[in-house]
PDB file of all heavy atoms in Angstrom:
ATOM      1  N   GLU A   1      95.949 113.409 104.769  1.00  0.00           N
ATOM      2  CA  GLU A   1      95.357 114.729 104.979  1.00  0.00           C
ATOM      3  C   GLU A   1      95.817 115.367 106.279  1.00  0.00           C
ATOM      4  O   GLU A   1      95.843 116.583 106.413  1.00  0.00           O
ATOM      5  CB  GLU A   1      93.829 114.639 104.975  1.00  0.00           C
ATOM      6  CG  GLU A   1      93.207 114.599 103.593  1.00  0.00           C
ATOM      7  CD  GLU A   1      93.441 115.884 102.808  1.00  0.00           C
ATOM      8  OE1 GLU A   1      93.245 116.964 103.382  1.00  0.00           O
ATOM      9  OE2 GLU A   1      93.818 115.792 101.633  1.00  0.00           O
ATOM     10  N   ALA A   2      96.156 114.570 107.268  1.00  0.00           N
ATOM     11  CA  ALA A   2      96.564 115.108 108.580  1.00  0.00           C
ATOM     12  C   ALA A   2      98.055 115.424 108.654  1.00  0.00           C
ATOM     13  O   ALA A   2      98.502 116.020 109.627  1.00  0.00           O
ATOM     14  CB  ALA A   2      96.203 114.122 109.687  1.00  0.00           C
ATOM     15  N   SER A   3      98.811 115.052 107.629  1.00  0.00           N
ATOM     16  CA  SER A   3     100.262 115.243 107.710  1.00  0.00           C
ATOM     17  C   SER A   3     100.676 116.654 107.335  1.00  0.00           C
ATOM     18  O   SER A   3     101.769 117.103 107.699  1.00  0.00           O
ATOM     19  CB  SER A   3     100.975 114.239 106.796  1.00  0.00           C
ATOM     20  OG  SER A   3     100.735 114.567 105.426  1.00  0.00           O
ATOM     21  N   GLY A   4      99.819 117.368 106.602  1.00  0.00           N
ATOM     22  CA  GLY A   4     100.155 118.733 106.195  1.00  0.00           C
ATOM     23  C   GLY A   4     101.370 118.801 105.291  1.00  0.00           C
ATOM     24  O   GLY A   4     102.040 119.828 105.213  1.00  0.00           O
ATOM     25  N   GLY A   5     101.646 117.689 104.591  1.00  0.00           N
ATOM     26  CA  GLY A   5     102.781 117.691 103.674  1.00  0.00           C
ATOM     27  C   GLY A   5     104.130 117.652 104.365  1.00  0.00           C
ATOM     28  O   GLY A   5     105.152 118.016 103.783  1.00  0.00           O
ATOM     29  N   ARG A   6     104.172 117.222 105.614  1.00  0.00           N
ATOM     30  CA  ARG A   6     105.427 117.189 106.344  1.00  0.00           C
ATOM     31  C   ARG A   6     106.381 116.151 105.762  1.00  0.00           C
ATOM     32  O   ARG A   6     105.965 115.147 105.191  1.00  0.00           O
ATOM     33  CB  ARG A   6     105.177 116.870 107.823  1.00  0.00           C
ATOM     34  CG  ARG A   6     104.382 117.939 108.556  1.00  0.00           C
ATOM     35  CD  ARG A   6     104.169 117.523 109.992  1.00  0.00           C
ATOM     36  NE  ARG A   6     103.580 116.187 110.074  1.00  0.00           N
ATOM     37  CZ  ARG A   6     103.575 115.455 111.179  1.00  0.00           C
ATOM     38  NH1 ARG A   6     104.140 115.898 112.263  1.00  0.00           N
ATOM     39  NH2 ARG A   6     103.005 114.269 111.189  1.00  0.00           N
ATOM     40  N   ALA A   7     107.673 116.392 105.958  1.00  0.00           N
ATOM     41  CA  ALA A   7     108.686 115.464 105.438  1.00  0.00           C
ATOM     42  C   ALA A   7     108.589 114.103 106.117  1.00  0.00           C
ATOM     43  O   ALA A   7     109.022 113.096 105.570  1.00  0.00           O
ATOM     44  CB  ALA A   7     110.079 116.066 105.649  1.00  0.00           C
ATOM     45  N   GLU A   8     107.990 114.085 107.334  1.00  0.00           N
ATOM     46  CA  GLU A   8     107.933 112.824 108.095  1.00  0.00           C
ATOM     47  C   GLU A   8     106.754 111.952 107.675  1.00  0.00           C
ATOM     48  O   GLU A   8     106.496 110.923 108.294  1.00  0.00           O
ATOM     49  CB  GLU A   8     107.782 113.131 109.599  1.00  0.00           C
ATOM     50  CG  GLU A   8     108.871 113.991 110.179  1.00  0.00           C
ATOM     51  CD  GLU A   8     108.533 115.479 110.141  1.00  0.00           C
ATOM     52  OE1 GLU A   8     107.685 115.858 109.309  1.00  0.00           O
ATOM     53  OE2 GLU A   8     109.118 116.239 110.918  1.00  0.00           O
ATOM     54  N   GLU A   9     106.041 112.349 106.609  1.00  0.00           N
ATOM     55  CA  GLU A   9     104.802 111.626 106.312  1.00  0.00           C
ATOM     56  C   GLU A   9     105.047 110.159 105.949  1.00  0.00           C
ATOM     57  O   GLU A   9     104.205 109.300 106.244  1.00  0.00           O
ATOM     58  CB  GLU A   9     104.015 112.323 105.201  1.00  0.00           C
ATOM     59  CG  GLU A   9     104.663 112.337 103.844  1.00  0.00           C
ATOM     60  CD  GLU A   9     103.791 113.044 102.805  1.00  0.00           C
ATOM     61  OE1 GLU A   9     102.996 113.924 103.165  1.00  0.00           O
ATOM     62  OE2 GLU A   9     103.941 112.705 101.624  1.00  0.00           O
ATOM     63  N   ARG A  10     106.189 109.845 105.334  1.00  0.00           N
ATOM     64  CA  ARG A  10     106.453 108.451 104.973  1.00  0.00           C
ATOM     65  C   ARG A  10     106.610 107.587 106.224  1.00  0.00           C
ATOM     66  O   ARG A  10     106.024 106.505 106.309  1.00  0.00           O
ATOM     67  CB  ARG A  10     107.711 108.368 104.098  1.00  0.00           C
ATOM     68  CG  ARG A  10     108.134 106.941 103.714  1.00  0.00           C
ATOM     69  CD  ARG A  10     106.996 106.099 103.168  1.00  0.00           C
ATOM     70  NE  ARG A  10     106.316 106.715 102.037  1.00  0.00           N
ATOM     71  CZ  ARG A  10     105.232 106.215 101.475  1.00  0.00           C
ATOM     72  NH1 ARG A  10     104.688 105.098 101.952  1.00  0.00           N
ATOM     73  NH2 ARG A  10     104.673 106.823 100.458  1.00  0.00           N
ATOM     74  N   SER A  11     107.357 108.057 107.222  1.00  0.00           N
ATOM     75  CA  SER A  11     107.503 107.284 108.452  1.00  0.00           C
ATOM     76  C   SER A  11     106.173 107.219 109.197  1.00  0.00           C
ATOM     77  O   SER A  11     105.867 106.220 109.848  1.00  0.00           O
ATOM     78  CB  SER A  11     108.584 107.889 109.353  1.00  0.00           C
ATOM     79  OG  SER A  11     108.246 109.218 109.724  1.00  0.00           O
ATOM     80  N   GLY A  12     105.376 108.299 109.094  1.00  0.00           N
ATOM     81  CA  GLY A  12     104.048 108.285 109.706  1.00  0.00           C
ATOM     82  C   GLY A  12     103.155 107.242 109.067  1.00  0.00           C
ATOM     83  O   GLY A  12     102.436 106.516 109.762  1.00  0.00           O
ATOM     84  N   LEU A  13     103.208 107.155 107.748  1.00  0.00           N
ATOM     85  CA  LEU A  13     102.411 106.139 107.044  1.00  0.00           C
ATOM     86  C   LEU A  13     102.835 104.738 107.450  1.00  0.00           C
ATOM     87  O   LEU A  13     101.990 103.858 107.665  1.00  0.00           O
ATOM     88  CB  LEU A  13     102.587 106.299 105.531  1.00  0.00           C
ATOM     89  CG  LEU A  13     101.582 107.151 104.777  1.00  0.00           C
ATOM     90  CD1 LEU A  13     101.953 107.208 103.302  1.00  0.00           C
ATOM     91  CD2 LEU A  13     100.166 106.620 104.947  1.00  0.00           C
ATOM     92  N   GLU A  14     104.130 104.525 107.565  1.00  0.00           N
ATOM     93  CA  GLU A  14     104.622 103.199 107.969  1.00  0.00           C
ATOM     94  C   GLU A  14     104.110 102.836 109.352  1.00  0.00           C
ATOM     95  O   GLU A  14     103.759 101.677 109.612  1.00  0.00           O
ATOM     96  CB  GLU A  14     106.144 103.182 107.937  1.00  0.00           C
ATOM     97  CG  GLU A  14     106.725 103.251 106.526  1.00  0.00           C
ATOM     98  CD  GLU A  14     108.233 103.360 106.522  1.00  0.00           C
ATOM     99  OE1 GLU A  14     108.825 103.453 107.628  1.00  0.00           O
ATOM    100  OE2 GLU A  14     108.827 103.357 105.425  1.00  0.00           O
ATOM    101  N   MET A  15     104.037 103.838 110.252  1.00  0.00           N
ATOM    102  CA  MET A  15     103.524 103.581 111.600  1.00  0.00           C
ATOM    103  C   MET A  15     102.042 103.218 111.532  1.00  0.00           C
ATOM    104  O   MET A  15     101.594 102.272 112.197  1.00  0.00           O
ATOM    105  CB  MET A  15     103.715 104.811 112.486  1.00  0.00           C
ATOM    106  CG  MET A  15     103.112 104.672 113.882  1.00  0.00           C
ATOM    107  SD  MET A  15     103.283 106.166 114.879  1.00  0.00           S
ATOM    108  CE  MET A  15     102.297 107.328 113.925  1.00  0.00           C
ATOM    109  N   VAL A  16     101.268 103.961 110.741  1.00  0.00           N
ATOM    110  CA  VAL A  16      99.833 103.681 110.611  1.00  0.00           C
ATOM    111  C   VAL A  16      99.614 102.275 110.063  1.00  0.00           C
ATOM    112  O   VAL A  16      98.791 101.510 110.581  1.00  0.00           O
ATOM    113  CB  VAL A  16      99.157 104.723 109.697  1.00  0.00           C
ATOM    114  CG1 VAL A  16      97.721 104.299 109.371  1.00  0.00           C
ATOM    115  CG2 VAL A  16      99.162 106.095 110.372  1.00  0.00           C
ATOM    116  N   TYR A  17     100.370 101.914 109.034  1.00  0.00           N
ATOM    117  CA  TYR A  17     100.211 100.583 108.438  1.00  0.00           C
ATOM    118  C   TYR A  17     100.715  99.479 109.368  1.00  0.00           C
ATOM    119  O   TYR A  17     100.267  98.329 109.280  1.00  0.00           O
ATOM    120  CB  TYR A  17     100.934 100.517 107.098  1.00  0.00           C
ATOM    121  CG  TYR A  17     100.307 101.380 106.024  1.00  0.00           C
ATOM    122  CD1 TYR A  17     101.091 101.995 105.041  1.00  0.00           C
ATOM    123  CD2 TYR A  17      98.933 101.597 105.992  1.00  0.00           C
ATOM    124  CE1 TYR A  17     100.518 102.788 104.052  1.00  0.00           C
ATOM    125  CE2 TYR A  17      98.346 102.387 105.015  1.00  0.00           C
ATOM    126  CZ  TYR A  17      99.150 102.984 104.054  1.00  0.00           C
ATOM    127  OH  TYR A  17      98.582 103.764 103.078  1.00  0.00           O
ATOM    128  N   HIS A  18     101.640  99.832 110.261  1.00  0.00           N
ATOM    129  CA  HIS A  18     102.102  98.861 111.260  1.00  0.00           C
ATOM    130  C   HIS A  18     100.959  98.474 112.198  1.00  0.00           C
ATOM    131  O   HIS A  18     100.770  97.287 112.503  1.00  0.00           O
ATOM    132  CB  HIS A  18     103.267  99.453 112.052  1.00  0.00           C
ATOM    133  CG  HIS A  18     103.625  98.683 113.279  1.00  0.00           C
ATOM    134  ND1 HIS A  18     104.241  97.440 113.249  1.00  0.00           N
ATOM    135  CD2 HIS A  18     103.435  98.965 114.615  1.00  0.00           C
ATOM    136  CE1 HIS A  18     104.419  96.998 114.480  1.00  0.00           C
ATOM    137  NE2 HIS A  18     103.938  97.890 115.335  1.00  0.00           N
ATOM    138  N   TYR A  19     100.202  99.482 112.659  1.00  0.00           N
ATOM    139  CA  TYR A  19      99.102  99.206 113.577  1.00  0.00           C
ATOM    140  C   TYR A  19      97.836  98.729 112.860  1.00  0.00           C
ATOM    141  O   TYR A  19      97.033  97.992 113.441  1.00  0.00           O
ATOM    142  CB  TYR A  19      98.788 100.447 114.413  1.00  0.00           C
ATOM    143  CG  TYR A  19      99.842 100.749 115.444  1.00  0.00           C
ATOM    144  CD1 TYR A  19     100.713 101.822 115.274  1.00  0.00           C
ATOM    145  CD2 TYR A  19      99.999  99.947 116.572  1.00  0.00           C
ATOM    146  CE1 TYR A  19     101.703 102.095 116.215  1.00  0.00           C
ATOM    147  CE2 TYR A  19     100.981 100.212 117.504  1.00  0.00           C
ATOM    148  CZ  TYR A  19     101.830 101.277 117.326  1.00  0.00           C
ATOM    149  OH  TYR A  19     102.814 101.533 118.252  1.00  0.00           O
ATOM    150  N   PHE A  20      97.685  99.164 111.621  1.00  0.00           N
ATOM    151  CA  PHE A  20      96.492  98.790 110.843  1.00  0.00           C
ATOM    152  C   PHE A  20      96.919  98.190 109.506  1.00  0.00           C
ATOM    153  O   PHE A  20      96.781  98.823 108.450  1.00  0.00           O
ATOM    154  CB  PHE A  20      95.604 100.012 110.605  1.00  0.00           C
ATOM    155  CG  PHE A  20      95.137 100.700 111.850  1.00  0.00           C
ATOM    156  CD1 PHE A  20      95.695 101.907 112.239  1.00  0.00           C
ATOM    157  CD2 PHE A  20      94.140 100.143 112.633  1.00  0.00           C
ATOM    158  CE1 PHE A  20      95.256 102.555 113.385  1.00  0.00           C
ATOM    159  CE2 PHE A  20      93.697 100.770 113.785  1.00  0.00           C
ATOM    160  CZ  PHE A  20      94.254 101.982 114.165  1.00  0.00           C
ATOM    161  N   PRO A  21      97.478  96.974 109.521  1.00  0.00           N
ATOM    162  CA  PRO A  21      97.948  96.361 108.261  1.00  0.00           C
ATOM    163  C   PRO A  21      96.840  96.205 107.226  1.00  0.00           C
ATOM    164  O   PRO A  21      97.119  96.204 106.019  1.00  0.00           O
ATOM    165  CB  PRO A  21      98.501  95.003 108.723  1.00  0.00           C
ATOM    166  CG  PRO A  21      97.932  94.769 110.091  1.00  0.00           C
ATOM    167  CD  PRO A  21      97.728  96.110 110.690  1.00  0.00           C
ATOM    168  N   LYS A  22      95.602  96.115 107.682  1.00  0.00           N
ATOM    169  CA  LYS A  22      94.492  96.016 106.739  1.00  0.00           C
ATOM    170  C   LYS A  22      94.408  97.262 105.857  1.00  0.00           C
ATOM    171  O   LYS A  22      94.038  97.191 104.677  1.00  0.00           O
ATOM    172  CB  LYS A  22      93.178  95.828 107.505  1.00  0.00           C
ATOM    173  CG  LYS A  22      91.969  95.529 106.633  1.00  0.00           C
ATOM    174  CD  LYS A  22      90.721  95.309 107.468  1.00  0.00           C
ATOM    175  CE  LYS A  22      90.821  94.051 108.301  1.00  0.00           C
ATOM    176  NZ  LYS A  22      89.542  93.744 109.015  1.00  0.00           N
ATOM    177  N   LEU A  23      94.778  98.421 106.417  1.00  0.00           N
ATOM    178  CA  LEU A  23      94.733  99.657 105.641  1.00  0.00           C
ATOM    179  C   LEU A  23      95.771  99.661 104.517  1.00  0.00           C
ATOM    180  O   LEU A  23      95.554 100.271 103.463  1.00  0.00           O
ATOM    181  CB  LEU A  23      94.960 100.866 106.549  1.00  0.00           C
ATOM    182  CG  LEU A  23      93.864 101.187 107.563  1.00  0.00           C
ATOM    183  CD1 LEU A  23      94.228 102.461 108.331  1.00  0.00           C
ATOM    184  CD2 LEU A  23      92.512 101.338 106.884  1.00  0.00           C
ATOM    185  N   TYR A  24      96.896  98.977 104.734  1.00  0.00           N
ATOM    186  CA  TYR A  24      97.913  98.906 103.672  1.00  0.00           C
ATOM    187  C   TYR A  24      97.343  98.182 102.454  1.00  0.00           C
ATOM    188  O   TYR A  24      97.548  98.623 101.318  1.00  0.00           O
ATOM    189  CB  TYR A  24      99.154  98.187 104.181  1.00  0.00           C
ATOM    190  CG  TYR A  24     100.236  98.057 103.127  1.00  0.00           C
ATOM    191  CD1 TYR A  24     101.060  99.129 102.827  1.00  0.00           C
ATOM    192  CD2 TYR A  24     100.401  96.865 102.428  1.00  0.00           C
ATOM    193  CE1 TYR A  24     102.035  99.024 101.849  1.00  0.00           C
ATOM    194  CE2 TYR A  24     101.381  96.743 101.447  1.00  0.00           C
ATOM    195  CZ  TYR A  24     102.180  97.831 101.148  1.00  0.00           C
ATOM    196  OH  TYR A  24     103.137  97.725 100.172  1.00  0.00           O
TER     197      TYR A  24
END
């Protein structure tokens, strides 16, 4: 929801899951 449909959302998701593997 915070990405606004940006093209970088996949790399952003990978970063989030890197810090919070439980969320993956």
